[in-house]
Amino acid sequence: MVRRRRTSVGGGTPHARYVGLLALVVAIPLLCVWEKVELTRVARLTEQSEVWIEELTEERSKLMAAVVFKKKPGAIESVAMGQLGMEYPAGRLTELTFDMGKRGEIE
């Protein structure tokens, strides 16, 4: 009489079921931890982006104020006098004129 080994319905050994179940029990918590780490990373990147947006908005406001200031009449004069220490020349102002010859040369 020949005895045959009993096999499971799936065709594998009974230990294969336990290995598969163990792999599933280990994989599920690992996936949960990985998801938590990824969420933390994305939250940190979002926070950094929000700070960056605030800084850029503030810088844009300062630049727009500088543009408005520079467009005002007399802005160049106030910068020249205030920051560069320039003054109008003392005494009378002279005017230079150039006479152009026939061929467009200065005489």
PDB file of N, CA and C in Angstrom:
ATOM      1  N   MET A   1       0.806  -1.153   0.000  1.00  0.00           N
ATOM      2  CA  MET A   1       0.000   0.000   0.000  1.00  0.00           C
ATOM      3  C   MET A   1       0.876   1.251   0.000  1.00  0.00           C
ATOM      4  N   VAL A   2       0.588   2.134  -0.885  1.00  0.00           N
ATOM      5  CA  VAL A   2       1.363   3.361  -1.033  1.00  0.00           C
ATOM      6  C   VAL A   2       0.572   4.503  -0.386  1.00  0.00           C
ATOM      7  N   ARG A   3       1.265   5.185   0.474  1.00  0.00           N
ATOM      8  CA  ARG A   3       0.608   6.331   1.127  1.00  0.00           C
ATOM      9  C   ARG A   3       0.970   7.598   0.388  1.00  0.00           C
ATOM     10  N   ARG A   4      -0.002   8.370   0.135  1.00  0.00           N
ATOM     11  CA  ARG A   4       0.232   9.658  -0.527  1.00  0.00           C
ATOM     12  C   ARG A   4       0.185  10.760   0.507  1.00  0.00           C
ATOM     13  N   ARG A   5       0.999  11.716   0.232  1.00  0.00           N
ATOM     14  CA  ARG A   5       1.003  12.884   1.095  1.00  0.00           C
ATOM     15  C   ARG A   5      -0.192  13.750   0.794  1.00  0.00           C
ATOM     16  N   ARG A   6      -0.792  14.223   1.815  1.00  0.00           N
ATOM     17  CA  ARG A   6      -1.935  15.102   1.624  1.00  0.00           C
ATOM     18  C   ARG A   6      -1.450  16.511   1.325  1.00  0.00           C
ATOM     19  N   THR A   7      -1.979  17.115   0.310  1.00  0.00           N
ATOM     20  CA  THR A   7      -1.610  18.484  -0.022  1.00  0.00           C
ATOM     21  C   THR A   7      -2.796  19.387   0.253  1.00  0.00           C
ATOM     22  N   SER A   8      -2.476  20.649   0.455  1.00  0.00           N
ATOM     23  CA  SER A   8      -3.555  21.589   0.717  1.00  0.00           C
ATOM     24  C   SER A   8      -4.296  21.893  -0.566  1.00  0.00           C
ATOM     25  N   VAL A   9      -5.406  22.572  -0.421  1.00  0.00           N
ATOM     26  CA  VAL A   9      -6.249  22.871  -1.564  1.00  0.00           C
ATOM     27  C   VAL A   9      -5.512  23.737  -2.569  1.00  0.00           C
ATOM     28  N   GLY A  10      -4.682  24.674  -2.077  1.00  0.00           N
ATOM     29  CA  GLY A  10      -3.957  25.575  -2.956  1.00  0.00           C
ATOM     30  C   GLY A  10      -2.821  24.896  -3.684  1.00  0.00           C
ATOM     31  N   GLY A  11      -2.492  23.732  -3.334  1.00  0.00           N
ATOM     32  CA  GLY A  11      -1.434  23.019  -4.021  1.00  0.00           C
ATOM     33  C   GLY A  11      -0.081  23.181  -3.349  1.00  0.00           C
ATOM     34  N   GLY A  12       0.044  24.049  -2.330  1.00  0.00           N
ATOM     35  CA  GLY A  12       1.319  24.272  -1.656  1.00  0.00           C
ATOM     36  C   GLY A  12       1.354  23.546  -0.330  1.00  0.00           C
ATOM     37  N   THR A  13       2.451  23.701   0.364  1.00  0.00           N
ATOM     38  CA  THR A  13       2.581  23.066   1.674  1.00  0.00           C
ATOM     39  C   THR A  13       1.812  23.883   2.704  1.00  0.00           C
ATOM     40  N   PRO A  14       1.478  23.301   3.829  1.00  0.00           N
ATOM     41  CA  PRO A  14       0.750  24.046   4.858  1.00  0.00           C
ATOM     42  C   PRO A  14       1.578  25.198   5.429  1.00  0.00           C
ATOM     43  N   HIS A  15       2.895  25.104   5.371  1.00  0.00           N
ATOM     44  CA  HIS A  15       3.752  26.165   5.875  1.00  0.00           C
ATOM     45  C   HIS A  15       3.695  27.411   4.980  1.00  0.00           C
ATOM     46  N   ALA A  16       3.386  27.244   3.732  1.00  0.00           N
ATOM     47  CA  ALA A  16       3.304  28.383   2.801  1.00  0.00           C
ATOM     48  C   ALA A  16       2.201  29.332   3.231  1.00  0.00           C
ATOM     49  N   ARG A  17       1.132  28.793   3.781  1.00  0.00           N
ATOM     50  CA  ARG A  17       0.050  29.651   4.258  1.00  0.00           C
ATOM     51  C   ARG A  17       0.531  30.530   5.411  1.00  0.00           C
ATOM     52  N   TYR A  18       1.282  29.916   6.302  1.00  0.00           N
ATOM     53  CA  TYR A  18       1.782  30.672   7.456  1.00  0.00           C
ATOM     54  C   TYR A  18       2.785  31.738   7.033  1.00  0.00           C
ATOM     55  N   VAL A  19       3.605  31.412   6.059  1.00  0.00           N
ATOM     56  CA  VAL A  19       4.580  32.385   5.558  1.00  0.00           C
ATOM     57  C   VAL A  19       3.848  33.548   4.888  1.00  0.00           C
ATOM     58  N   GLY A  20       2.863  33.245   4.114  1.00  0.00           N
ATOM     59  CA  GLY A  20       2.073  34.298   3.470  1.00  0.00           C
ATOM     60  C   GLY A  20       1.351  35.170   4.475  1.00  0.00           C
ATOM     61  N   LEU A  21       0.772  34.540   5.489  1.00  0.00           N
ATOM     62  CA  LEU A  21       0.089  35.285   6.540  1.00  0.00           C
ATOM     63  C   LEU A  21       1.069  36.159   7.323  1.00  0.00           C
ATOM     64  N   LEU A  22       2.244  35.625   7.623  1.00  0.00           N
ATOM     65  CA  LEU A  22       3.267  36.383   8.329  1.00  0.00           C
ATOM     66  C   LEU A  22       3.736  37.574   7.486  1.00  0.00           C
ATOM     67  N   ALA A  23       3.925  37.364   6.194  1.00  0.00           N
ATOM     68  CA  ALA A  23       4.325  38.467   5.306  1.00  0.00           C
ATOM     69  C   ALA A  23       3.257  39.554   5.296  1.00  0.00           C
ATOM     70  N   LEU A  24       2.007  39.167   5.297  1.00  0.00           N
ATOM     71  CA  LEU A  24       0.919  40.143   5.318  1.00  0.00           C
ATOM     72  C   LEU A  24       0.889  40.901   6.647  1.00  0.00           C
ATOM     73  N   VAL A  25       1.109  40.194   7.741  1.00  0.00           N
ATOM     74  CA  VAL A  25       1.111  40.826   9.058  1.00  0.00           C
ATOM     75  C   VAL A  25       2.274  41.806   9.177  1.00  0.00           C
ATOM     76  N   VAL A  26       3.397  41.535   8.540  1.00  0.00           N
ATOM     77  CA  VAL A  26       4.544  42.447   8.581  1.00  0.00           C
ATOM     78  C   VAL A  26       4.356  43.593   7.586  1.00  0.00           C
ATOM     79  N   ALA A  27       3.801  43.332   6.426  1.00  0.00           N
ATOM     80  CA  ALA A  27       3.685  44.348   5.369  1.00  0.00           C
ATOM     81  C   ALA A  27       2.691  45.452   5.729  1.00  0.00           C
ATOM     82  N   ILE A  28       1.598  45.123   6.362  1.00  0.00           N
ATOM     83  CA  ILE A  28       0.573  46.129   6.674  1.00  0.00           C
ATOM     84  C   ILE A  28       1.115  47.211   7.613  1.00  0.00           C
ATOM     85  N   PRO A  29       1.761  46.872   8.734  1.00  0.00           N
ATOM     86  CA  PRO A  29       2.316  47.943   9.581  1.00  0.00           C
ATOM     87  C   PRO A  29       3.418  48.735   8.881  1.00  0.00           C
ATOM     88  N   LEU A  30       4.219  48.054   8.065  1.00  0.00           N
ATOM     89  CA  LEU A  30       5.260  48.775   7.322  1.00  0.00           C
ATOM     90  C   LEU A  30       4.655  49.799   6.378  1.00  0.00           C
ATOM     91  N   LEU A  31       3.585  49.436   5.715  1.00  0.00           N
ATOM     92  CA  LEU A  31       2.919  50.385   4.816  1.00  0.00           C
ATOM     93  C   LEU A  31       2.323  51.557   5.595  1.00  0.00           C
ATOM     94  N   CYS A  32       1.790  51.288   6.779  1.00  0.00           N
ATOM     95  CA  CYS A  32       1.230  52.370   7.602  1.00  0.00           C
ATOM     96  C   CYS A  32       2.320  53.330   8.055  1.00  0.00           C
ATOM     97  N   VAL A  33       3.468  52.791   8.461  1.00  0.00           N
ATOM     98  CA  VAL A  33       4.588  53.639   8.882  1.00  0.00           C
ATOM     99  C   VAL A  33       5.098  54.458   7.700  1.00  0.00           C
ATOM    100  N   TRP A  34       5.241  53.822   6.546  1.00  0.00           N
ATOM    101  CA  TRP A  34       5.718  54.532   5.347  1.00  0.00           C
ATOM    102  C   TRP A  34       4.753  55.667   4.991  1.00  0.00           C
ATOM    103  N   GLU A  35       3.453  55.406   5.081  1.00  0.00           N
ATOM    104  CA  GLU A  35       2.465  56.441   4.779  1.00  0.00           C
ATOM    105  C   GLU A  35       2.595  57.613   5.753  1.00  0.00           C
ATOM    106  N   LYS A  36       2.810  57.320   7.026  1.00  0.00           N
ATOM    107  CA  LYS A  36       2.975  58.375   8.035  1.00  0.00           C
ATOM    108  C   LYS A  36       4.222  59.217   7.744  1.00  0.00           C
ATOM    109  N   VAL A  37       5.310  58.564   7.374  1.00  0.00           N
ATOM    110  CA  VAL A  37       6.552  59.278   7.046  1.00  0.00           C
ATOM    111  C   VAL A  37       6.338  60.169   5.828  1.00  0.00           C
ATOM    112  N   GLU A  38       5.672  59.670   4.819  1.00  0.00           N
ATOM    113  CA  GLU A  38       5.412  60.468   3.611  1.00  0.00           C
ATOM    114  C   GLU A  38       4.510  61.663   3.915  1.00  0.00           C
ATOM    115  N   LEU A  39       3.487  61.467   4.729  1.00  0.00           N
ATOM    116  CA  LEU A  39       2.608  62.573   5.102  1.00  0.00           C
ATOM    117  C   LEU A  39       3.376  63.649   5.861  1.00  0.00           C
ATOM    118  N   THR A  40       4.279  63.230   6.738  1.00  0.00           N
ATOM    119  CA  THR A  40       5.099  64.186   7.486  1.00  0.00           C
ATOM    120  C   THR A  40       6.004  64.968   6.544  1.00  0.00           C
ATOM    121  N   ARG A  41       6.595  64.280   5.568  1.00  0.00           N
ATOM    122  CA  ARG A  41       7.481  64.938   4.602  1.00  0.00           C
ATOM    123  C   ARG A  41       6.712  65.957   3.768  1.00  0.00           C
ATOM    124  N   VAL A  42       5.541  65.584   3.303  1.00  0.00           N
ATOM    125  CA  VAL A  42       4.727  66.488   2.488  1.00  0.00           C
ATOM    126  C   VAL A  42       4.258  67.682   3.324  1.00  0.00           C
ATOM    127  N   ALA A  43       3.901  67.457   4.575  1.00  0.00           N
ATOM    128  CA  ALA A  43       3.480  68.555   5.447  1.00  0.00           C
ATOM    129  C   ALA A  43       4.627  69.534   5.663  1.00  0.00           C
ATOM    130  N   ARG A  44       5.843  69.022   5.855  1.00  0.00           N
ATOM    131  CA  ARG A  44       7.008  69.885   6.035  1.00  0.00           C
ATOM    132  C   ARG A  44       7.280  70.704   4.776  1.00  0.00           C
ATOM    133  N   LEU A  45       7.193  70.081   3.612  1.00  0.00           N
ATOM    134  CA  LEU A  45       7.396  70.796   2.348  1.00  0.00           C
ATOM    135  C   LEU A  45       6.329  71.868   2.147  1.00  0.00           C
ATOM    136  N   THR A  46       5.104  71.572   2.521  1.00  0.00           N
ATOM    137  CA  THR A  46       4.024  72.546   2.408  1.00  0.00           C
ATOM    138  C   THR A  46       4.280  73.741   3.318  1.00  0.00           C
ATOM    139  N   GLU A  47       4.740  73.464   4.525  1.00  0.00           N
ATOM    140  CA  GLU A  47       5.053  74.536   5.475  1.00  0.00           C
ATOM    141  C   GLU A  47       6.176  75.424   4.940  1.00  0.00           C
ATOM    142  N   GLN A  48       7.221  74.801   4.405  1.00  0.00           N
ATOM    143  CA  GLN A  48       8.336  75.564   3.835  1.00  0.00           C
ATOM    144  C   GLN A  48       7.871  76.406   2.657  1.00  0.00           C
ATOM    145  N   SER A  49       6.998  75.859   1.843  1.00  0.00           N
ATOM    146  CA  SER A  49       6.487  76.601   0.690  1.00  0.00           C
ATOM    147  C   SER A  49       5.662  77.805   1.130  1.00  0.00           C
ATOM    148  N   GLU A  50       4.880  77.644   2.172  1.00  0.00           N
ATOM    149  CA  GLU A  50       4.077  78.760   2.678  1.00  0.00           C
ATOM    150  C   GLU A  50       4.966  79.878   3.214  1.00  0.00           C
ATOM    151  N   VAL A  51       6.038  79.521   3.916  1.00  0.00           N
ATOM    152  CA  VAL A  51       6.980  80.526   4.421  1.00  0.00           C
ATOM    153  C   VAL A  51       7.637  81.242   3.251  1.00  0.00           C
ATOM    154  N   TRP A  52       8.019  80.487   2.239  1.00  0.00           N
ATOM    155  CA  TRP A  52       8.658  81.060   1.054  1.00  0.00           C
ATOM    156  C   TRP A  52       7.707  82.015   0.342  1.00  0.00           C
ATOM    157  N   ILE A  53       6.440  81.639   0.235  1.00  0.00           N
ATOM    158  CA  ILE A  53       5.443  82.495  -0.412  1.00  0.00           C
ATOM    159  C   ILE A  53       5.295  83.801   0.362  1.00  0.00           C
ATOM    160  N   GLU A  54       5.276  83.720   1.693  1.00  0.00           N
ATOM    161  CA  GLU A  54       5.174  84.938   2.512  1.00  0.00           C
ATOM    162  C   GLU A  54       6.376  85.855   2.287  1.00  0.00           C
ATOM    163  N   GLU A  55       7.578  85.263   2.239  1.00  0.00           N
ATOM    164  CA  GLU A  55       8.784  86.061   2.022  1.00  0.00           C
ATOM    165  C   GLU A  55       8.756  86.726   0.648  1.00  0.00           C
ATOM    166  N   LEU A  56       8.354  85.980  -0.361  1.00  0.00           N
ATOM    167  CA  LEU A  56       8.305  86.537  -1.714  1.00  0.00           C
ATOM    168  C   LEU A  56       7.239  87.623  -1.830  1.00  0.00           C
ATOM    169  N   THR A  57       6.113  87.449  -1.157  1.00  0.00           N
ATOM    170  CA  THR A  57       5.062  88.465  -1.178  1.00  0.00           C
ATOM    171  C   THR A  57       5.554  89.747  -0.527  1.00  0.00           C
ATOM    172  N   GLU A  58       6.265  89.608   0.599  1.00  0.00           N
ATOM    173  CA  GLU A  58       6.810  90.781   1.273  1.00  0.00           C
ATOM    174  C   GLU A  58       7.849  91.495   0.403  1.00  0.00           C
ATOM    175  N   GLU A  59       8.711  90.710  -0.248  1.00  0.00           N
ATOM    176  CA  GLU A  59       9.719  91.299  -1.132  1.00  0.00           C
ATOM    177  C   GLU A  59       9.058  91.997  -2.317  1.00  0.00           C
ATOM    178  N   ARG A  60       8.002  91.404  -2.860  1.00  0.00           N
ATOM    179  CA  ARG A  60       7.283  92.012  -3.982  1.00  0.00           C
ATOM    180  C   ARG A  60       6.677  93.350  -3.559  1.00  0.00           C
ATOM    181  N   SER A  61       6.123  93.406  -2.358  1.00  0.00           N
ATOM    182  CA  SER A  61       5.547  94.660  -1.861  1.00  0.00           C
ATOM    183  C   SER A  61       6.613  95.744  -1.756  1.00  0.00           C
ATOM    184  N   LYS A  62       7.789  95.380  -1.237  1.00  0.00           N
ATOM    185  CA  LYS A  62       8.875  96.351  -1.126  1.00  0.00           C
ATOM    186  C   LYS A  62       9.317  96.833  -2.504  1.00  0.00           C
ATOM    187  N   LEU A  63       9.421  95.925  -3.453  1.00  0.00           N
ATOM    188  CA  LEU A  63       9.844  96.312  -4.800  1.00  0.00           C
ATOM    189  C   LEU A  63       8.801  97.198  -5.479  1.00  0.00           C
ATOM    190  N   MET A  64       7.529  96.889  -5.276  1.00  0.00           N
ATOM    191  CA  MET A  64       6.478  97.729  -5.861  1.00  0.00           C
ATOM    192  C   MET A  64       6.513  99.125  -5.255  1.00  0.00           C
ATOM    193  N   ALA A  65       6.772  99.226  -3.953  1.00  0.00           N
ATOM    194  CA  ALA A  65       6.882 100.535  -3.306  1.00  0.00           C
ATOM    195  C   ALA A  65       8.075 101.295  -3.868  1.00  0.00           C
ATOM    196  N   ALA A  66       9.171 100.603  -4.139  1.00  0.00           N
ATOM    197  CA  ALA A  66      10.348 101.259  -4.718  1.00  0.00           C
ATOM    198  C   ALA A  66      10.047 101.763  -6.121  1.00  0.00           C
ATOM    199  N   VAL A  67       9.301 100.990  -6.889  1.00  0.00           N
ATOM    200  CA  VAL A  67       8.943 101.416  -8.249  1.00  0.00           C
ATOM    201  C   VAL A  67       8.065 102.661  -8.185  1.00  0.00           C
ATOM    202  N   VAL A  68       7.098 102.674  -7.300  1.00  0.00           N
ATOM    203  CA  VAL A  68       6.206 103.838  -7.165  1.00  0.00           C
ATOM    204  C   VAL A  68       7.020 105.061  -6.744  1.00  0.00           C
ATOM    205  N   PHE A  69       7.965 104.871  -5.816  1.00  0.00           N
ATOM    206  CA  PHE A  69       8.794 105.990  -5.369  1.00  0.00           C
ATOM    207  C   PHE A  69       9.642 106.523  -6.516  1.00  0.00           C
ATOM    208  N   LYS A  70      10.213 105.640  -7.308  1.00  0.00           N
ATOM    209  CA  LYS A  70      11.094 106.066  -8.394  1.00  0.00           C
ATOM    210  C   LYS A  70      10.328 106.768  -9.511  1.00  0.00           C
ATOM    211  N   LYS A  71       9.041 106.499  -9.631  1.00  0.00           N
ATOM    212  CA  LYS A  71       8.242 107.137 -10.680  1.00  0.00           C
ATOM    213  C   LYS A  71       7.820 108.551 -10.296  1.00  0.00           C
ATOM    214  N   LYS A  72       7.908 108.904  -9.025  1.00  0.00           N
ATOM    215  CA  LYS A  72       7.493 110.237  -8.589  1.00  0.00           C
ATOM    216  C   LYS A  72       8.456 111.285  -9.137  1.00  0.00           C
ATOM    217  N   PRO A  73       7.925 112.459  -9.517  1.00  0.00           N
ATOM    218  CA  PRO A  73       8.808 113.520  -9.977  1.00  0.00           C
ATOM    219  C   PRO A  73       9.731 113.955  -8.834  1.00  0.00           C
ATOM    220  N   GLY A  74      10.947 114.210  -9.157  1.00  0.00           N
ATOM    221  CA  GLY A  74      11.903 114.658  -8.163  1.00  0.00           C
ATOM    222  C   GLY A  74      12.582 113.530  -7.416  1.00  0.00           C
ATOM    223  N   ALA A  75      12.284 112.298  -7.743  1.00  0.00           N
ATOM    224  CA  ALA A  75      12.894 111.173  -7.039  1.00  0.00           C
ATOM    225  C   ALA A  75      14.387 111.109  -7.321  1.00  0.00           C
ATOM    226  N   ILE A  76      14.781 111.334  -8.554  1.00  0.00           N
ATOM    227  CA  ILE A  76      16.190 111.299  -8.912  1.00  0.00           C
ATOM    228  C   ILE A  76      16.933 112.413  -8.181  1.00  0.00           C
ATOM    229  N   GLU A  77      16.309 113.570  -8.137  1.00  0.00           N
ATOM    230  CA  GLU A  77      16.929 114.701  -7.451  1.00  0.00           C
ATOM    231  C   GLU A  77      17.119 114.404  -5.965  1.00  0.00           C
ATOM    232  N   SER A  78      16.121 113.815  -5.332  1.00  0.00           N
ATOM    233  CA  SER A  78      16.243 113.534  -3.896  1.00  0.00           C
ATOM    234  C   SER A  78      17.300 112.461  -3.631  1.00  0.00           C
ATOM    235  N   VAL A  79      17.420 111.481  -4.511  1.00  0.00           N
ATOM    236  CA  VAL A  79      18.458 110.456  -4.354  1.00  0.00           C
ATOM    237  C   VAL A  79      19.829 111.078  -4.557  1.00  0.00           C
ATOM    238  N   ALA A  80      19.959 111.924  -5.592  1.00  0.00           N
ATOM    239  CA  ALA A  80      21.247 112.559  -5.877  1.00  0.00           C
ATOM    240  C   ALA A  80      21.690 113.439  -4.711  1.00  0.00           C
ATOM    241  N   MET A  81      20.774 114.177  -4.149  1.00  0.00           N
ATOM    242  CA  MET A  81      21.143 115.076  -3.054  1.00  0.00           C
ATOM    243  C   MET A  81      21.291 114.320  -1.728  1.00  0.00           C
ATOM    244  N   GLY A  82      20.371 113.425  -1.434  1.00  0.00           N
ATOM    245  CA  GLY A  82      20.366 112.740  -0.146  1.00  0.00           C
ATOM    246  C   GLY A  82      21.407 111.653  -0.031  1.00  0.00           C
ATOM    247  N   GLN A  83      21.431 110.731  -0.978  1.00  0.00           N
ATOM    248  CA  GLN A  83      22.313 109.572  -0.865  1.00  0.00           C
ATOM    249  C   GLN A  83      23.698 109.829  -1.458  1.00  0.00           C
ATOM    250  N   LEU A  84      23.754 110.595  -2.534  1.00  0.00           N
ATOM    251  CA  LEU A  84      25.033 110.795  -3.209  1.00  0.00           C
ATOM    252  C   LEU A  84      25.712 112.102  -2.824  1.00  0.00           C
ATOM    253  N   GLY A  85      24.998 112.977  -2.121  1.00  0.00           N
ATOM    254  CA  GLY A  85      25.581 114.227  -1.675  1.00  0.00           C
ATOM    255  C   GLY A  85      25.828 115.230  -2.797  1.00  0.00           C
ATOM    256  N   MET A  86      25.112 115.132  -3.881  1.00  0.00           N
ATOM    257  CA  MET A  86      25.289 116.054  -4.999  1.00  0.00           C
ATOM    258  C   MET A  86      24.504 117.337  -4.746  1.00  0.00           C
ATOM    259  N   GLU A  87      24.994 118.431  -5.304  1.00  0.00           N
ATOM    260  CA  GLU A  87      24.331 119.721  -5.175  1.00  0.00           C
ATOM    261  C   GLU A  87      24.319 120.402  -6.534  1.00  0.00           C
ATOM    262  N   TYR A  88      23.439 121.402  -6.649  1.00  0.00           N
ATOM    263  CA  TYR A  88      23.459 122.213  -7.851  1.00  0.00           C
ATOM    264  C   TYR A  88      24.737 123.052  -7.840  1.00  0.00           C
ATOM    265  N   PRO A  89      25.310 123.324  -9.025  1.00  0.00           N
ATOM    266  CA  PRO A  89      26.528 124.135  -9.056  1.00  0.00           C
ATOM    267  C   PRO A  89      26.243 125.567  -8.610  1.00  0.00           C
ATOM    268  N   ALA A  90      27.200 126.157  -7.919  1.00  0.00           N
ATOM    269  CA  ALA A  90      27.051 127.534  -7.454  1.00  0.00           C
ATOM    270  C   ALA A  90      27.329 128.490  -8.615  1.00  0.00           C
ATOM    271  N   GLY A  91      26.747 129.640  -8.568  1.00  0.00           N
ATOM    272  CA  GLY A  91      26.970 130.617  -9.623  1.00  0.00           C
ATOM    273  C   GLY A  91      25.985 130.443 -10.746  1.00  0.00           C
ATOM    274  N   ARG A  92      26.352 130.999 -11.874  1.00  0.00           N
ATOM    275  CA  ARG A  92      25.416 130.945 -12.993  1.00  0.00           C
ATOM    276  C   ARG A  92      25.567 129.651 -13.787  1.00  0.00           C
ATOM    277  N   LEU A  93      24.512 129.286 -14.427  1.00  0.00           N
ATOM    278  CA  LEU A  93      24.518 128.095 -15.268  1.00  0.00           C
ATOM    279  C   LEU A  93      24.911 128.505 -16.676  1.00  0.00           C
ATOM    280  N   THR A  94      25.711 127.723 -17.310  1.00  0.00           N
ATOM    281  CA  THR A  94      26.094 128.003 -18.695  1.00  0.00           C
ATOM    282  C   THR A  94      25.415 126.997 -19.591  1.00  0.00           C
ATOM    283  N   GLU A  95      25.152 127.422 -20.764  1.00  0.00           N
ATOM    284  CA  GLU A  95      24.489 126.548 -21.726  1.00  0.00           C
ATOM    285  C   GLU A  95      25.450 126.285 -22.862  1.00  0.00           C
ATOM    286  N   LEU A  96      25.616 125.034 -23.185  1.00  0.00           N
ATOM    287  CA  LEU A  96      26.496 124.666 -24.289  1.00  0.00           C
ATOM    288  C   LEU A  96      25.664 124.474 -25.545  1.00  0.00           C
ATOM    289  N   THR A  97      26.152 125.020 -26.651  1.00  0.00           N
ATOM    290  CA  THR A  97      25.490 124.834 -27.940  1.00  0.00           C
ATOM    291  C   THR A  97      26.526 124.387 -28.942  1.00  0.00           C
ATOM    292  N   PHE A  98      26.108 123.613 -29.846  1.00  0.00           N
ATOM    293  CA  PHE A  98      26.997 123.137 -30.898  1.00  0.00           C
ATOM    294  C   PHE A  98      26.426 123.574 -32.231  1.00  0.00           C
ATOM    295  N   ASP A  99      27.279 124.119 -33.076  1.00  0.00           N
ATOM    296  CA  ASP A  99      26.873 124.464 -34.434  1.00  0.00           C
ATOM    297  C   ASP A  99      27.290 123.325 -35.342  1.00  0.00           C
ATOM    298  N   MET A 100      26.352 122.843 -36.086  1.00  0.00           N
ATOM    299  CA  MET A 100      26.622 121.734 -36.987  1.00  0.00           C
ATOM    300  C   MET A 100      26.988 122.330 -38.342  1.00  0.00           C
ATOM    301  N   GLY A 101      28.053 121.831 -38.923  1.00  0.00           N
ATOM    302  CA  GLY A 101      28.492 122.268 -40.241  1.00  0.00           C
ATOM    303  C   GLY A 101      27.632 121.643 -41.308  1.00  0.00           C
ATOM    304  N   LYS A 102      28.065 121.842 -42.570  1.00  0.00           N
ATOM    305  CA  LYS A 102      27.292 121.339 -43.697  1.00  0.00           C
ATOM    306  C   LYS A 102      27.249 119.823 -43.723  1.00  0.00           C
ATOM    307  N   ARG A 103      28.355 119.183 -43.328  1.00  0.00           N
ATOM    308  CA  ARG A 103      28.413 117.728 -43.382  1.00  0.00           C
ATOM    309  C   ARG A 103      28.037 117.076 -42.058  1.00  0.00           C
ATOM    310  N   GLY A 104      27.503 117.815 -41.132  1.00  0.00           N
ATOM    311  CA  GLY A 104      27.097 117.258 -39.856  1.00  0.00           C
ATOM    312  C   GLY A 104      28.216 117.184 -38.859  1.00  0.00           C
ATOM    313  N   GLU A 105      29.313 117.958 -39.074  1.00  0.00           N
ATOM    314  CA  GLU A 105      30.430 117.957 -38.157  1.00  0.00           C
ATOM    315  C   GLU A 105      30.299 119.105 -37.177  1.00  0.00           C
ATOM    316  N   ILE A 106      30.841 118.964 -36.041  1.00  0.00           N
ATOM    317  CA  ILE A 106      30.826 120.030 -35.034  1.00  0.00           C
ATOM    318  C   ILE A 106      31.953 121.006 -35.358  1.00  0.00           C
ATOM    319  N   GLU A 107      31.623 122.278 -35.367  1.00  0.00           N
ATOM    320  CA  GLU A 107      32.639 123.288 -35.678  1.00  0.00           C
ATOM    321  C   GLU A 107      33.180 123.897 -34.433  1.00  0.00           C
TER     322      GLU A 107
END
